[in-house]
Amino acid sequence: MLSVMMIHQMASYLCICQFIQCLLIGKKKNKTVI
């Protein structure tokens, strides 16, 4: 039970990190285009 919860937290954490990275990369691309 504990391990499953930890894996779920790690997955959600990685998803959030990827989402933030996508936003940062998108902003950088927009700046370079403009």
N, C-alpha and C. Protein backbone atom coordinates (compact mmCIF):
# COMPACT_ATOMS: atom_id res chain seq x y z
N MET A 1 0.85 -1.20 0.00
CA MET A 1 0.00 0.00 0.00
C MET A 1 0.88 1.25 0.00
N LEU A 2 1.87 1.27 0.88
CA LEU A 2 2.75 2.44 0.97
C LEU A 2 3.51 2.64 -0.32
N SER A 3 4.07 1.54 -0.86
CA SER A 3 4.86 1.66 -2.10
C SER A 3 3.99 2.18 -3.24
N VAL A 4 2.75 1.73 -3.32
CA VAL A 4 1.85 2.17 -4.39
C VAL A 4 1.63 3.68 -4.27
N MET A 5 1.41 4.16 -3.04
CA MET A 5 1.20 5.59 -2.82
C MET A 5 2.43 6.38 -3.25
N MET A 6 3.61 5.88 -2.88
CA MET A 6 4.86 6.57 -3.24
C MET A 6 5.00 6.63 -4.76
N ILE A 7 4.74 5.52 -5.44
CA ILE A 7 4.84 5.49 -6.91
C ILE A 7 3.86 6.50 -7.51
N HIS A 8 2.65 6.56 -6.95
CA HIS A 8 1.63 7.50 -7.46
C HIS A 8 2.13 8.93 -7.28
N GLN A 9 2.71 9.25 -6.11
CA GLN A 9 3.23 10.60 -5.86
C GLN A 9 4.35 10.92 -6.83
N MET A 10 5.25 9.97 -7.06
CA MET A 10 6.37 10.19 -7.98
C MET A 10 5.84 10.47 -9.38
N ALA A 11 4.85 9.69 -9.82
CA ALA A 11 4.29 9.87 -11.16
C ALA A 11 3.68 11.26 -11.30
N SER A 12 2.89 11.68 -10.31
CA SER A 12 2.25 13.00 -10.38
C SER A 12 3.32 14.09 -10.35
N TYR A 13 4.38 13.89 -9.54
CA TYR A 13 5.46 14.87 -9.46
C TYR A 13 6.16 15.01 -10.81
N LEU A 14 6.44 13.88 -11.45
CA LEU A 14 7.10 13.90 -12.76
C LEU A 14 6.20 14.59 -13.79
N CYS A 15 4.89 14.31 -13.72
CA CYS A 15 3.95 14.93 -14.67
C CYS A 15 3.99 16.45 -14.52
N ILE A 16 3.99 16.92 -13.26
CA ILE A 16 4.02 18.37 -13.01
C ILE A 16 5.33 18.95 -13.54
N CYS A 17 6.45 18.25 -13.29
CA CYS A 17 7.76 18.73 -13.77
C CYS A 17 7.75 18.85 -15.29
N GLN A 18 7.24 17.83 -15.97
CA GLN A 18 7.19 17.86 -17.44
C GLN A 18 6.31 19.01 -17.91
N PHE A 19 5.19 19.24 -17.22
CA PHE A 19 4.27 20.32 -17.60
C PHE A 19 4.97 21.67 -17.48
N ILE A 20 5.71 21.87 -16.37
CA ILE A 20 6.44 23.13 -16.17
C ILE A 20 7.51 23.29 -17.24
N GLN A 21 8.24 22.20 -17.54
CA GLN A 21 9.29 22.27 -18.57
C GLN A 21 8.68 22.64 -19.91
N CYS A 22 7.52 22.06 -20.23
CA CYS A 22 6.85 22.38 -21.50
C CYS A 22 6.51 23.86 -21.55
N LEU A 23 6.01 24.41 -20.45
CA LEU A 23 5.65 25.84 -20.41
C LEU A 23 6.90 26.69 -20.62
N LEU A 24 7.99 26.34 -19.93
CA LEU A 24 9.23 27.12 -20.04
C LEU A 24 9.77 27.05 -21.46
N ILE A 25 9.78 25.85 -22.05
CA ILE A 25 10.29 25.69 -23.42
C ILE A 25 9.40 26.48 -24.38
N GLY A 26 8.08 26.42 -24.17
CA GLY A 26 7.15 27.15 -25.03
C GLY A 26 7.41 28.64 -24.96
N LYS A 27 7.64 29.16 -23.76
CA LYS A 27 7.92 30.59 -23.60
C LYS A 27 9.21 30.96 -24.32
N LYS A 28 10.24 30.13 -24.17
CA LYS A 28 11.53 30.39 -24.82
C LYS A 28 11.35 30.40 -26.34
N LYS A 29 10.61 29.43 -26.86
CA LYS A 29 10.38 29.36 -28.31
C LYS A 29 9.64 30.62 -28.78
N ASN A 30 8.63 31.02 -28.02
CA ASN A 30 7.86 32.21 -28.40
C ASN A 30 8.77 33.43 -28.43
N LYS A 31 9.65 33.55 -27.45
CA LYS A 31 10.57 34.69 -27.40
C LYS A 31 11.49 34.69 -28.62
N THR A 32 12.01 33.51 -28.96
CA THR A 32 12.94 33.44 -30.10
C THR A 32 12.20 33.76 -31.39
N VAL A 33 10.95 33.31 -31.51
CA VAL A 33 10.17 33.57 -32.73
C VAL A 33 9.90 35.07 -32.84
N ILE A 34 9.50 35.70 -31.72
CA ILE A 34 9.19 37.14 -31.72
C ILE A 34 10.48 37.93 -31.59
